[in-house]
PDB file of N, CA and C in Angstrom:
ATOM      1  N   MET A   1      -8.024   0.518 -26.348  1.00  0.00           N
ATOM      2  CA  MET A   1      -7.084  -0.347 -26.378  1.00  0.00           C
ATOM      3  C   MET A   1      -8.074  -0.578 -24.953  1.00  0.00           C
ATOM      4  N   ALA A   2      -7.597  -2.180 -24.250  1.00  0.00           N
ATOM      5  CA  ALA A   2      -8.095  -3.021 -23.260  1.00  0.00           C
ATOM      6  C   ALA A   2      -7.072  -2.288 -21.789  1.00  0.00           C
ATOM      7  N   LYS A   3      -7.775  -2.272 -20.931  1.00  0.00           N
ATOM      8  CA  LYS A   3      -7.630  -1.957 -19.523  1.00  0.00           C
ATOM      9  C   LYS A   3      -6.695  -2.856 -18.647  1.00  0.00           C
ATOM     10  N   VAL A   4      -5.708  -2.477 -18.765  1.00  0.00           N
ATOM     11  CA  VAL A   4      -4.379  -2.981 -17.474  1.00  0.00           C
ATOM     12  C   VAL A   4      -5.517  -3.539 -16.036  1.00  0.00           C
ATOM     13  N   ASN A   5      -5.623  -4.393 -16.120  1.00  0.00           N
ATOM     14  CA  ASN A   5      -6.096  -4.976 -14.386  1.00  0.00           C
ATOM     15  C   ASN A   5      -4.768  -4.962 -13.278  1.00  0.00           C
ATOM     16  N   VAL A   6      -5.333  -4.561 -12.104  1.00  0.00           N
ATOM     17  CA  VAL A   6      -4.367  -4.445 -10.873  1.00  0.00           C
ATOM     18  C   VAL A   6      -5.131  -5.356 -10.276  1.00  0.00           C
ATOM     19  N   LYS A   7      -4.806  -6.726  -9.364  1.00  0.00           N
ATOM     20  CA  LYS A   7      -5.426  -6.901  -8.108  1.00  0.00           C
ATOM     21  C   LYS A   7      -4.660  -7.019  -7.190  1.00  0.00           C
ATOM     22  N   ILE A   8      -5.046  -6.608  -6.221  1.00  0.00           N
ATOM     23  CA  ILE A   8      -3.811  -6.527  -4.842  1.00  0.00           C
ATOM     24  C   ILE A   8      -4.526  -7.294  -3.546  1.00  0.00           C
ATOM     25  N   CYS A   9      -3.632  -8.490  -3.326  1.00  0.00           N
ATOM     26  CA  CYS A   9      -4.420  -9.507  -2.173  1.00  0.00           C
ATOM     27  C   CYS A   9      -3.906  -8.152  -0.911  1.00  0.00           C
ATOM     28  N   MET A  10      -5.257  -8.215  -0.425  1.00  0.00           N
ATOM     29  CA  MET A  10      -5.386  -8.410   0.649  1.00  0.00           C
ATOM     30  C   MET A  10      -5.939  -9.269   2.093  1.00  0.00           C
ATOM     31  N   GLY A  11      -5.126 -10.324   1.258  1.00  0.00           N
ATOM     32  CA  GLY A  11      -5.567 -11.423   2.935  1.00  0.00           C
ATOM     33  C   GLY A  11      -4.837 -11.512   4.220  1.00  0.00           C
ATOM     34  N   THR A  12      -4.880 -12.574   4.822  1.00  0.00           N
ATOM     35  CA  THR A  12      -3.968 -11.651   6.203  1.00  0.00           C
ATOM     36  C   THR A  12      -2.217 -11.598   5.843  1.00  0.00           C
ATOM     37  N   THR A  13      -2.177 -12.868   5.295  1.00  0.00           N
ATOM     38  CA  THR A  13      -1.086 -13.157   4.682  1.00  0.00           C
ATOM     39  C   THR A  13      -0.263 -11.701   3.893  1.00  0.00           C
ATOM     40  N   CYS A  14      -1.155 -11.802   3.159  1.00  0.00           N
ATOM     41  CA  CYS A  14      -0.235 -10.220   2.400  1.00  0.00           C
ATOM     42  C   CYS A  14      -0.424  -8.829   3.113  1.00  0.00           C
ATOM     43  N   PHE A  15      -1.529  -8.884   3.838  1.00  0.00           N
ATOM     44  CA  PHE A  15      -1.865  -7.750   4.273  1.00  0.00           C
ATOM     45  C   PHE A  15      -0.622  -7.181   5.958  1.00  0.00           C
ATOM     46  N   VAL A  16      -0.610  -8.721   6.238  1.00  0.00           N
ATOM     47  CA  VAL A  16       0.779  -8.433   7.389  1.00  0.00           C
ATOM     48  C   VAL A  16       2.118  -8.315   6.690  1.00  0.00           C
ATOM     49  N   MET A  17       2.241  -8.890   5.296  1.00  0.00           N
ATOM     50  CA  MET A  17       3.674  -8.471   5.084  1.00  0.00           C
ATOM     51  C   MET A  17       3.676  -7.541   4.258  1.00  0.00           C
ATOM     52  N   GLY A  18       2.934  -6.353   3.823  1.00  0.00           N
ATOM     53  CA  GLY A  18       2.817  -5.264   3.232  1.00  0.00           C
ATOM     54  C   GLY A  18       2.324  -4.823   2.381  1.00  0.00           C
ATOM     55  N   SER A  19       0.949  -5.637   2.042  1.00  0.00           N
ATOM     56  CA  SER A  19       0.042  -5.268   1.081  1.00  0.00           C
ATOM     57  C   SER A  19      -0.954  -3.884   1.571  1.00  0.00           C
ATOM     58  N   SER A  20      -0.861  -4.116   3.347  1.00  0.00           N
ATOM     59  CA  SER A  20      -1.824  -2.443   3.533  1.00  0.00           C
ATOM     60  C   SER A  20      -0.622  -1.796   3.483  1.00  0.00           C
ATOM     61  N   GLN A  21       0.651  -1.029   2.548  1.00  0.00           N
ATOM     62  CA  GLN A  21       1.086  -0.451   2.166  1.00  0.00           C
ATOM     63  C   GLN A  21       0.992   0.181   0.645  1.00  0.00           C
ATOM     64  N   LEU A  22      -0.186  -0.563   0.105  1.00  0.00           N
ATOM     65  CA  LEU A  22       0.213  -1.273  -1.300  1.00  0.00           C
ATOM     66  C   LEU A  22      -0.585   0.225  -1.431  1.00  0.00           C
ATOM     67  N   HIS A  23      -1.689   0.549  -0.823  1.00  0.00           N
ATOM     68  CA  HIS A  23      -3.197   1.472  -0.823  1.00  0.00           C
ATOM     69  C   HIS A  23      -2.441   1.929  -1.592  1.00  0.00           C
ATOM     70  N   ASP A  24      -1.509   2.952  -1.339  1.00  0.00           N
ATOM     71  CA  ASP A  24      -1.481   3.960  -2.461  1.00  0.00           C
ATOM     72  C   ASP A  24      -1.269   4.253  -3.728  1.00  0.00           C
ATOM     73  N   LEU A  25      -1.416   2.857  -4.118  1.00  0.00           N
ATOM     74  CA  LEU A  25      -1.363   2.650  -5.325  1.00  0.00           C
ATOM     75  C   LEU A  25      -2.325   3.363  -6.197  1.00  0.00           C
ATOM     76  N   VAL A  26      -3.769   3.154  -5.295  1.00  0.00           N
ATOM     77  CA  VAL A  26      -5.031   3.503  -5.769  1.00  0.00           C
ATOM     78  C   VAL A  26      -4.680   5.371  -6.436  1.00  0.00           C
ATOM     79  N   ASP A  27      -3.952   5.474  -5.628  1.00  0.00           N
ATOM     80  CA  ASP A  27      -4.052   7.499  -5.797  1.00  0.00           C
ATOM     81  C   ASP A  27      -3.277   7.233  -7.052  1.00  0.00           C
ATOM     82  N   ILE A  28      -1.934   7.148  -6.606  1.00  0.00           N
ATOM     83  CA  ILE A  28      -1.018   6.900  -7.466  1.00  0.00           C
ATOM     84  C   ILE A  28      -1.619   6.363  -8.771  1.00  0.00           C
ATOM     85  N   VAL A  29      -2.167   5.783  -9.363  1.00  0.00           N
ATOM     86  CA  VAL A  29      -2.337   4.869 -10.967  1.00  0.00           C
ATOM     87  C   VAL A  29      -3.654   5.846 -10.726  1.00  0.00           C
ATOM     88  N   ASN A  30      -4.867   6.270 -10.507  1.00  0.00           N
ATOM     89  CA  ASN A  30      -5.821   6.809 -10.871  1.00  0.00           C
ATOM     90  C   ASN A  30      -4.536   8.075 -11.676  1.00  0.00           C
ATOM     91  N   LYS A  31      -3.724   9.035 -10.918  1.00  0.00           N
ATOM     92  CA  LYS A  31      -3.199  10.223 -11.579  1.00  0.00           C
ATOM     93  C   LYS A  31      -2.455   9.794 -12.807  1.00  0.00           C
ATOM     94  N   LYS A  32      -1.872   8.842 -13.006  1.00  0.00           N
ATOM     95  CA  LYS A  32      -0.749   8.643 -14.092  1.00  0.00           C
ATOM     96  C   LYS A  32      -1.056   7.915 -14.929  1.00  0.00           C
ATOM     97  N   TYR A  33      -2.211   6.722 -14.840  1.00  0.00           N
ATOM     98  CA  TYR A  33      -3.054   6.332 -15.806  1.00  0.00           C
ATOM     99  C   TYR A  33      -4.369   6.661 -16.497  1.00  0.00           C
ATOM    100  N   GLY A  34      -5.372   6.784 -15.046  1.00  0.00           N
ATOM    101  CA  GLY A  34      -6.769   7.322 -15.535  1.00  0.00           C
ATOM    102  C   GLY A  34      -7.619   6.332 -15.720  1.00  0.00           C
ATOM    103  N   GLU A  35      -8.181   6.175 -16.924  1.00  0.00           N
ATOM    104  CA  GLU A  35      -9.229   4.877 -16.739  1.00  0.00           C
ATOM    105  C   GLU A  35      -8.510   3.978 -17.790  1.00  0.00           C
ATOM    106  N   ASP A  36      -7.028   3.894 -18.301  1.00  0.00           N
ATOM    107  CA  ASP A  36      -6.510   3.144 -18.515  1.00  0.00           C
ATOM    108  C   ASP A  36      -5.664   1.809 -17.578  1.00  0.00           C
ATOM    109  N   VAL A  37      -6.288   2.094 -16.934  1.00  0.00           N
ATOM    110  CA  VAL A  37      -5.616   1.304 -15.579  1.00  0.00           C
ATOM    111  C   VAL A  37      -6.986   0.482 -14.765  1.00  0.00           C
ATOM    112  N   ALA A  38      -7.594  -0.698 -14.355  1.00  0.00           N
ATOM    113  CA  ALA A  38      -8.058  -0.666 -13.209  1.00  0.00           C
ATOM    114  C   ALA A  38      -7.509  -1.513 -12.382  1.00  0.00           C
ATOM    115  N   ILE A  39      -7.879  -0.840 -10.782  1.00  0.00           N
ATOM    116  CA  ILE A  39      -7.026  -1.284  -9.705  1.00  0.00           C
ATOM    117  C   ILE A  39      -8.399  -2.096  -8.662  1.00  0.00           C
ATOM    118  N   THR A  40      -8.614  -3.414  -8.541  1.00  0.00           N
ATOM    119  CA  THR A  40      -8.850  -3.480  -7.024  1.00  0.00           C
ATOM    120  C   THR A  40      -8.465  -4.343  -5.857  1.00  0.00           C
ATOM    121  N   GLY A  41      -8.995  -4.436  -5.398  1.00  0.00           N
ATOM    122  CA  GLY A  41      -8.264  -5.180  -3.852  1.00  0.00           C
ATOM    123  C   GLY A  41      -9.007  -6.659  -3.918  1.00  0.00           C
ATOM    124  N   SER A  42      -8.049  -7.685  -3.589  1.00  0.00           N
ATOM    125  CA  SER A  42      -8.450  -8.751  -3.280  1.00  0.00           C
ATOM    126  C   SER A  42      -8.795  -9.673  -2.237  1.00  0.00           C
ATOM    127  N   THR A  43      -9.884 -10.372  -1.441  1.00  0.00           N
ATOM    128  CA  THR A  43      -9.448 -10.980  -0.436  1.00  0.00           C
ATOM    129  C   THR A  43      -8.698 -11.748   0.064  1.00  0.00           C
ATOM    130  N   CYS A  44      -8.218 -12.505  -1.048  1.00  0.00           N
ATOM    131  CA  CYS A  44      -7.397 -13.674  -0.693  1.00  0.00           C
ATOM    132  C   CYS A  44      -7.133 -14.464  -2.830  1.00  0.00           C
ATOM    133  N   LEU A  45      -5.721 -13.935  -3.299  1.00  0.00           N
ATOM    134  CA  LEU A  45      -5.339 -14.071  -4.383  1.00  0.00           C
ATOM    135  C   LEU A  45      -5.108 -16.163  -4.467  1.00  0.00           C
ATOM    136  N   ASN A  46      -4.961 -16.421  -3.151  1.00  0.00           N
ATOM    137  CA  ASN A  46      -4.518 -17.626  -2.714  1.00  0.00           C
ATOM    138  C   ASN A  46      -3.336 -17.923  -3.439  1.00  0.00           C
ATOM    139  N   TYR A  47      -2.241 -17.394  -3.824  1.00  0.00           N
ATOM    140  CA  TYR A  47      -1.206 -17.540  -4.431  1.00  0.00           C
ATOM    141  C   TYR A  47       0.506 -18.160  -3.011  1.00  0.00           C
ATOM    142  N   CYS A  48       0.108 -17.527  -1.055  1.00  0.00           N
ATOM    143  CA  CYS A  48       0.790 -17.909  -0.811  1.00  0.00           C
ATOM    144  C   CYS A  48      -0.091 -19.492  -0.249  1.00  0.00           C
ATOM    145  N   THR A  49      -0.792 -20.012  -0.299  1.00  0.00           N
ATOM    146  CA  THR A  49      -1.154 -21.369  -0.230  1.00  0.00           C
ATOM    147  C   THR A  49      -0.890 -22.410  -1.239  1.00  0.00           C
ATOM    148  N   ASP A  50      -0.686 -21.474  -2.071  1.00  0.00           N
ATOM    149  CA  ASP A  50       0.089 -22.859  -3.852  1.00  0.00           C
ATOM    150  C   ASP A  50       0.998 -22.622  -4.047  1.00  0.00           C
ATOM    151  N   THR A  51       2.109 -21.811  -3.322  1.00  0.00           N
ATOM    152  CA  THR A  51       3.288 -22.064  -2.858  1.00  0.00           C
ATOM    153  C   THR A  51       3.943 -21.988  -1.700  1.00  0.00           C
ATOM    154  N   SER A  52       3.786 -22.521  -0.718  1.00  0.00           N
ATOM    155  CA  SER A  52       4.059 -22.007   0.407  1.00  0.00           C
ATOM    156  C   SER A  52       5.205 -21.276   0.533  1.00  0.00           C
ATOM    157  N   GLU A  53       5.124 -20.475   0.000  1.00  0.00           N
ATOM    158  CA  GLU A  53       6.135 -19.316  -0.024  1.00  0.00           C
ATOM    159  C   GLU A  53       5.150 -18.086   0.916  1.00  0.00           C
ATOM    160  N   TYR A  54       5.684 -17.699   1.849  1.00  0.00           N
ATOM    161  CA  TYR A  54       5.032 -16.652   3.016  1.00  0.00           C
ATOM    162  C   TYR A  54       5.537 -15.991   2.786  1.00  0.00           C
ATOM    163  N   SER A  55       7.147 -15.670   2.772  1.00  0.00           N
ATOM    164  CA  SER A  55       7.873 -14.632   2.819  1.00  0.00           C
ATOM    165  C   SER A  55       7.699 -13.952   1.475  1.00  0.00           C
ATOM    166  N   LYS A  56       7.628 -14.882   0.275  1.00  0.00           N
ATOM    167  CA  LYS A  56       6.996 -13.682  -0.984  1.00  0.00           C
ATOM    168  C   LYS A  56       6.024 -12.559  -1.228  1.00  0.00           C
ATOM    169  N   ALA A  57       5.369 -12.841  -0.560  1.00  0.00           N
ATOM    170  CA  ALA A  57       3.886 -12.077  -0.466  1.00  0.00           C
ATOM    171  C   ALA A  57       4.055 -10.756   0.434  1.00  0.00           C
ATOM    172  N   PRO A  58       3.568  -9.561  -0.108  1.00  0.00           N
ATOM    173  CA  PRO A  58       2.339  -9.449  -0.658  1.00  0.00           C
ATOM    174  C   PRO A  58       2.598  -9.777  -1.695  1.00  0.00           C
ATOM    175  N   TYR A  59       1.457 -10.040  -2.466  1.00  0.00           N
ATOM    176  CA  TYR A  59       0.856 -10.798  -4.054  1.00  0.00           C
ATOM    177  C   TYR A  59       0.698  -9.704  -4.508  1.00  0.00           C
ATOM    178  N   VAL A  60       0.620  -8.990  -6.001  1.00  0.00           N
ATOM    179  CA  VAL A  60      -0.129  -8.319  -6.700  1.00  0.00           C
ATOM    180  C   VAL A  60      -0.012  -9.088  -7.851  1.00  0.00           C
ATOM    181  N   LYS A  61      -1.466  -9.129  -8.590  1.00  0.00           N
ATOM    182  CA  LYS A  61      -1.819  -9.675 -10.228  1.00  0.00           C
ATOM    183  C   LYS A  61      -2.029  -8.591 -11.002  1.00  0.00           C
ATOM    184  N   VAL A  62      -0.896  -8.036 -12.256  1.00  0.00           N
ATOM    185  CA  VAL A  62      -1.075  -7.102 -13.249  1.00  0.00           C
ATOM    186  C   VAL A  62      -1.370  -7.688 -14.013  1.00  0.00           C
ATOM    187  N   ASN A  63      -2.785  -7.988 -14.905  1.00  0.00           N
ATOM    188  CA  ASN A  63      -3.529  -9.155 -16.212  1.00  0.00           C
ATOM    189  C   ASN A  63      -3.355 -10.530 -15.737  1.00  0.00           C
ATOM    190  N   ASP A  64      -1.959 -11.158 -16.529  1.00  0.00           N
ATOM    191  CA  ASP A  64      -2.183 -12.161 -16.065  1.00  0.00           C
ATOM    192  C   ASP A  64      -0.505 -12.731 -14.859  1.00  0.00           C
ATOM    193  N   ILE A  65       0.053 -11.362 -15.216  1.00  0.00           N
ATOM    194  CA  ILE A  65       1.230 -11.724 -14.202  1.00  0.00           C
ATOM    195  C   ILE A  65       1.491 -11.122 -12.206  1.00  0.00           C
ATOM    196  N   VAL A  66       1.649 -12.433 -12.010  1.00  0.00           N
ATOM    197  CA  VAL A  66       1.863 -12.254 -10.308  1.00  0.00           C
ATOM    198  C   VAL A  66       3.663 -11.396 -10.121  1.00  0.00           C
ATOM    199  N   ILE A  67       3.535 -10.386  -9.467  1.00  0.00           N
ATOM    200  CA  ILE A  67       4.388 -10.110  -8.760  1.00  0.00           C
ATOM    201  C   ILE A  67       4.428 -10.825  -6.779  1.00  0.00           C
ATOM    202  N   GLN A  68       5.761 -10.867  -6.677  1.00  0.00           N
ATOM    203  CA  GLN A  68       5.588 -11.666  -5.422  1.00  0.00           C
ATOM    204  C   GLN A  68       6.446 -10.901  -4.848  1.00  0.00           C
ATOM    205  N   GLU A  69       6.447 -10.248  -3.922  1.00  0.00           N
ATOM    206  CA  GLU A  69       7.067  -9.561  -2.656  1.00  0.00           C
ATOM    207  C   GLU A  69       6.766  -8.164  -3.804  1.00  0.00           C
ATOM    208  N   ALA A  70       5.391  -7.295  -3.876  1.00  0.00           N
ATOM    209  CA  ALA A  70       5.338  -6.689  -4.436  1.00  0.00           C
ATOM    210  C   ALA A  70       5.518  -4.881  -3.769  1.00  0.00           C
ATOM    211  N   THR A  71       5.785  -4.556  -4.361  1.00  0.00           N
ATOM    212  CA  THR A  71       6.158  -3.244  -3.539  1.00  0.00           C
ATOM    213  C   THR A  71       5.319  -1.896  -5.111  1.00  0.00           C
ATOM    214  N   ILE A  72       5.266  -0.510  -4.533  1.00  0.00           N
ATOM    215  CA  ILE A  72       4.832   0.396  -5.504  1.00  0.00           C
ATOM    216  C   ILE A  72       5.561   0.258  -6.559  1.00  0.00           C
ATOM    217  N   ASP A  73       6.703   0.309  -6.750  1.00  0.00           N
ATOM    218  CA  ASP A  73       7.428   0.780  -7.517  1.00  0.00           C
ATOM    219  C   ASP A  73       7.305  -0.800  -8.747  1.00  0.00           C
ATOM    220  N   LYS A  74       7.250  -1.824  -8.143  1.00  0.00           N
ATOM    221  CA  LYS A  74       7.405  -3.179  -8.666  1.00  0.00           C
ATOM    222  C   LYS A  74       6.058  -3.321  -9.966  1.00  0.00           C
ATOM    223  N   VAL A  75       4.895  -2.826  -8.802  1.00  0.00           N
ATOM    224  CA  VAL A  75       3.502  -2.715  -9.801  1.00  0.00           C
ATOM    225  C   VAL A  75       3.523  -1.579 -11.174  1.00  0.00           C
ATOM    226  N   LEU A  76       4.077  -0.956 -10.777  1.00  0.00           N
ATOM    227  CA  LEU A  76       3.766   0.313 -11.323  1.00  0.00           C
ATOM    228  C   LEU A  76       5.113   0.071 -12.559  1.00  0.00           C
ATOM    229  N   GLN A  77       5.913  -0.868 -12.538  1.00  0.00           N
ATOM    230  CA  GLN A  77       6.956  -1.308 -13.572  1.00  0.00           C
ATOM    231  C   GLN A  77       6.084  -1.787 -14.299  1.00  0.00           C
ATOM    232  N   GLU A  78       5.591  -3.296 -13.941  1.00  0.00           N
ATOM    233  CA  GLU A  78       4.537  -3.980 -14.645  1.00  0.00           C
ATOM    234  C   GLU A  78       3.325  -3.586 -15.572  1.00  0.00           C
ATOM    235  N   ILE A  79       2.335  -2.121 -15.040  1.00  0.00           N
ATOM    236  CA  ILE A  79       1.708  -1.495 -15.309  1.00  0.00           C
ATOM    237  C   ILE A  79       2.343  -0.832 -16.921  1.00  0.00           C
ATOM    238  N   ASP A  80       3.325   0.019 -16.427  1.00  0.00           N
ATOM    239  CA  ASP A  80       3.791   0.490 -17.878  1.00  0.00           C
ATOM    240  C   ASP A  80       4.498  -0.657 -18.954  1.00  0.00           C
ATOM    241  N   LYS A  81       4.817  -1.797 -18.542  1.00  0.00           N
ATOM    242  CA  LYS A  81       5.185  -2.481 -19.681  1.00  0.00           C
ATOM    243  C   LYS A  81       3.758  -3.117 -20.276  1.00  0.00           C
ATOM    244  N   CYS A  82       2.540  -3.412 -19.272  1.00  0.00           N
ATOM    245  CA  CYS A  82       1.586  -4.478 -20.247  1.00  0.00           C
ATOM    246  C   CYS A  82       0.979  -2.893 -21.243  1.00  0.00           C
ATOM    247  N   LEU A  83       0.750  -1.477 -20.620  1.00  0.00           N
ATOM    248  CA  LEU A  83       0.738  -0.366 -22.023  1.00  0.00           C
ATOM    249  C   LEU A  83       1.383  -0.138 -22.776  1.00  0.00           C
ATOM    250  N   LYS A  84       2.305  -0.682 -22.504  1.00  0.00           N
ATOM    251  CA  LYS A  84       3.719  -0.572 -24.011  1.00  0.00           C
ATOM    252  C   LYS A  84       3.193  -1.771 -24.885  1.00  0.00           C
ATOM    253  N   GLN A  85       3.181  -2.970 -24.126  1.00  0.00           N
ATOM    254  CA  GLN A  85       3.010  -3.771 -24.996  1.00  0.00           C
ATOM    255  C   GLN A  85       1.284  -4.190 -25.935  1.00  0.00           C
ATOM    256  N   GLN A  86       0.157  -2.641 -25.273  1.00  0.00           N
ATOM    257  CA  GLN A  86      -0.657  -2.949 -25.365  1.00  0.00           C
ATOM    258  C   GLN A  86      -1.219  -1.763 -27.015  1.00  0.00           C
ATOM    259  N   GLY A  87      -0.181  -0.726 -26.351  1.00  0.00           N
ATOM    260  CA  GLY A  87       0.151   0.534 -27.136  1.00  0.00           C
ATOM    261  C   GLY A  87       0.480   0.434 -28.593  1.00  0.00           C
TER     262      GLY A  87
END
């Protein structure tokens, strides 16, 4: 099974808009999924500059899916979807 890759944008806009609160994902993901999911931070994913929709931050990318206005629950739901598709 391929790993699900999660990238949390930590750029200024995303950080101010809430990605700092997504740090808890690291512990949650490690406990819930173990090595099936790799989670990293990114200095900037550039989605706010591509769309000019700063109100949609913070951004998180789960494999190829971009989550706008990301929350812990939204990210976990997308990880579950990805794992079910792979399984």
